[in-house]
Amino acid sequence: MQPAEIRKVIDKWADLIVELGAEYTWVQIFENKGAMMGCSNPHPHCQVWASNFLPNEAALAERCQRDFLQKHGEPLLLQYARMETQAQQFWGLFSW
């Protein structure tokens, strides 16, 4: 696929997330690897799941993120991104 074609696919995914997200709690877009994963559709393809509940793993992650926010006053991922940036700046001081 050409970059412009790939962009159209990604834009469609974004549209689906907005559209379905207005009605459903959870929207997940993922690659189904086809026959390699035991799927009846033999080639790799995209699938979209939408449901009115969070899957167990997502619910646990969301609960842990909320707990961290309450305890530390900022989102975990924001804190992690800041630490990563600081580490890159630190290591950038050295010329190898």
C-alpha atoms as a PDB file:
ATOM      1  CA  MET A   1       0.000   0.000   0.000  1.00  0.00           C
ATOM      2  CA  GLN A   2       1.097   3.522  -0.705  1.00  0.00           C
ATOM      3  CA  PRO A   3       1.319   6.020   2.200  1.00  0.00           C
ATOM      4  CA  ALA A   4      -1.818   7.861   1.014  1.00  0.00           C
ATOM      5  CA  GLU A   5      -3.750   4.567   1.013  1.00  0.00           C
ATOM      6  CA  ILE A   6      -2.504   3.714   4.491  1.00  0.00           C
ATOM      7  CA  ARG A   7      -3.572   7.166   5.682  1.00  0.00           C
ATOM      8  CA  LYS A   8      -7.118   6.533   4.422  1.00  0.00           C
ATOM      9  CA  VAL A   9      -7.286   3.313   6.451  1.00  0.00           C
ATOM     10  CA  ILE A  10      -6.038   5.026   9.599  1.00  0.00           C
ATOM     11  CA  ASP A  11      -8.483   7.897   9.101  1.00  0.00           C
ATOM     12  CA  LYS A  12     -11.309   5.356   8.795  1.00  0.00           C
ATOM     13  CA  TRP A  13     -10.179   3.707  12.043  1.00  0.00           C
ATOM     14  CA  ALA A  14     -10.279   7.105  13.759  1.00  0.00           C
ATOM     15  CA  ASP A  15     -13.780   7.709  12.386  1.00  0.00           C
ATOM     16  CA  LEU A  16     -14.920   4.319  13.697  1.00  0.00           C
ATOM     17  CA  ILE A  17     -13.522   5.019  17.161  1.00  0.00           C
ATOM     18  CA  VAL A  18     -15.379   8.342  17.337  1.00  0.00           C
ATOM     19  CA  GLU A  19     -18.600   6.913  15.913  1.00  0.00           C
ATOM     20  CA  LEU A  20     -18.678   3.748  18.005  1.00  0.00           C
ATOM     21  CA  GLY A  21     -17.182   5.445  21.068  1.00  0.00           C
ATOM     22  CA  ALA A  22     -20.257   7.674  21.265  1.00  0.00           C
ATOM     23  CA  GLU A  23     -22.338   4.570  21.965  1.00  0.00           C
ATOM     24  CA  TYR A  24     -19.962   1.966  23.425  1.00  0.00           C
ATOM     25  CA  THR A  25     -17.625   2.015  26.437  1.00  0.00           C
ATOM     26  CA  TRP A  26     -14.886   0.014  24.689  1.00  0.00           C
ATOM     27  CA  VAL A  27     -13.772   0.180  21.068  1.00  0.00           C
ATOM     28  CA  GLN A  28     -10.777  -1.863  19.978  1.00  0.00           C
ATOM     29  CA  ILE A  29      -9.261  -2.033  16.504  1.00  0.00           C
ATOM     30  CA  PHE A  30      -6.762  -4.819  15.981  1.00  0.00           C
ATOM     31  CA  GLU A  31      -5.116  -7.032  13.411  1.00  0.00           C
ATOM     32  CA  ASN A  32      -6.387 -10.576  13.149  1.00  0.00           C
ATOM     33  CA  LYS A  33      -3.536 -12.648  11.773  1.00  0.00           C
ATOM     34  CA  GLY A  34      -5.876 -14.985   9.929  1.00  0.00           C
ATOM     35  CA  ALA A  35      -5.111 -18.675   9.566  1.00  0.00           C
ATOM     36  CA  MET A  36      -1.955 -18.294  11.659  1.00  0.00           C
ATOM     37  CA  MET A  37      -4.237 -17.613  14.634  1.00  0.00           C
ATOM     38  CA  GLY A  38      -6.856 -20.220  13.754  1.00  0.00           C
ATOM     39  CA  CYS A  39      -9.233 -17.768  12.122  1.00  0.00           C
ATOM     40  CA  SER A  40     -11.601 -18.982   9.426  1.00  0.00           C
ATOM     41  CA  ASN A  41     -10.624 -15.978   7.266  1.00  0.00           C
ATOM     42  CA  PRO A  42      -7.218 -17.170   6.009  1.00  0.00           C
ATOM     43  CA  HIS A  43      -5.484 -13.818   5.422  1.00  0.00           C
ATOM     44  CA  PRO A  44      -4.509 -11.125   7.946  1.00  0.00           C
ATOM     45  CA  HIS A  45      -7.214  -8.505   8.329  1.00  0.00           C
ATOM     46  CA  CYS A  46      -8.447  -5.772  10.634  1.00  0.00           C
ATOM     47  CA  GLN A  47     -11.270  -6.228  13.085  1.00  0.00           C
ATOM     48  CA  VAL A  48     -13.197  -3.805  15.269  1.00  0.00           C
ATOM     49  CA  TRP A  49     -14.764  -4.784  18.578  1.00  0.00           C
ATOM     50  CA  ALA A  50     -17.166  -2.543  20.450  1.00  0.00           C
ATOM     51  CA  SER A  51     -18.842  -3.391  23.750  1.00  0.00           C
ATOM     52  CA  ASN A  52     -20.573  -1.778  26.695  1.00  0.00           C
ATOM     53  CA  PHE A  53     -18.004  -3.083  29.188  1.00  0.00           C
ATOM     54  CA  LEU A  54     -14.250  -2.942  29.616  1.00  0.00           C
ATOM     55  CA  PRO A  55     -12.376  -6.210  29.111  1.00  0.00           C
ATOM     56  CA  ASN A  56     -10.652  -7.463  32.285  1.00  0.00           C
ATOM     57  CA  GLU A  57      -7.168  -6.279  31.296  1.00  0.00           C
ATOM     58  CA  ALA A  58      -8.387  -2.810  30.311  1.00  0.00           C
ATOM     59  CA  ALA A  59     -10.474  -2.507  33.484  1.00  0.00           C
ATOM     60  CA  LEU A  60      -7.444  -3.395  35.639  1.00  0.00           C
ATOM     61  CA  ALA A  61      -5.228  -0.913  33.782  1.00  0.00           C
ATOM     62  CA  GLU A  62      -7.849   1.812  34.132  1.00  0.00           C
ATOM     63  CA  ARG A  63      -8.259   1.153  37.853  1.00  0.00           C
ATOM     64  CA  CYS A  64      -4.481   1.245  38.395  1.00  0.00           C
ATOM     65  CA  GLN A  65      -4.165   4.475  36.386  1.00  0.00           C
ATOM     66  CA  ARG A  66      -6.911   6.102  38.496  1.00  0.00           C
ATOM     67  CA  ASP A  67      -5.282   4.920  41.742  1.00  0.00           C
ATOM     68  CA  PHE A  68      -1.939   6.378  40.639  1.00  0.00           C
ATOM     69  CA  LEU A  69      -3.577   9.693  39.715  1.00  0.00           C
ATOM     70  CA  GLN A  70      -5.269   9.947  43.115  1.00  0.00           C
ATOM     71  CA  LYS A  71      -2.069   9.074  44.966  1.00  0.00           C
ATOM     72  CA  HIS A  72       0.375  11.230  42.955  1.00  0.00           C
ATOM     73  CA  GLY A  73      -1.788  13.990  41.491  1.00  0.00           C
ATOM     74  CA  GLU A  74      -0.764  13.321  37.899  1.00  0.00           C
ATOM     75  CA  PRO A  75      -1.279  10.534  35.371  1.00  0.00           C
ATOM     76  CA  LEU A  76       1.282   7.724  35.439  1.00  0.00           C
ATOM     77  CA  LEU A  77       1.904   7.916  31.695  1.00  0.00           C
ATOM     78  CA  LEU A  78       2.577  11.657  31.884  1.00  0.00           C
ATOM     79  CA  GLN A  79       5.075  11.101  34.690  1.00  0.00           C
ATOM     80  CA  TYR A  80       6.717   8.286  32.723  1.00  0.00           C
ATOM     81  CA  ALA A  81       6.983  10.440  29.585  1.00  0.00           C
ATOM     82  CA  ARG A  82       8.634  13.222  31.596  1.00  0.00           C
ATOM     83  CA  MET A  83      11.130  10.760  33.087  1.00  0.00           C
ATOM     84  CA  GLU A  84      11.923   9.381  29.631  1.00  0.00           C
ATOM     85  CA  THR A  85      12.534  12.906  28.321  1.00  0.00           C
ATOM     86  CA  GLN A  86      14.797  13.737  31.250  1.00  0.00           C
ATOM     87  CA  ALA A  87      16.758  10.517  30.751  1.00  0.00           C
ATOM     88  CA  GLN A  88      17.248  11.290  27.068  1.00  0.00           C
ATOM     89  CA  GLN A  89      18.466  14.777  27.938  1.00  0.00           C
ATOM     90  CA  PHE A  90      20.863  13.326  30.528  1.00  0.00           C
ATOM     91  CA  TRP A  91      22.334  10.740  28.176  1.00  0.00           C
ATOM     92  CA  GLY A  92      22.541  13.350  25.436  1.00  0.00           C
ATOM     93  CA  LEU A  93      25.153  15.181  27.525  1.00  0.00           C
ATOM     94  CA  PHE A  94      27.674  12.443  26.831  1.00  0.00           C
ATOM     95  CA  SER A  95      29.449  12.101  23.523  1.00  0.00           C
ATOM     96  CA  TRP A  96      30.242   8.496  22.913  1.00  0.00           C
END
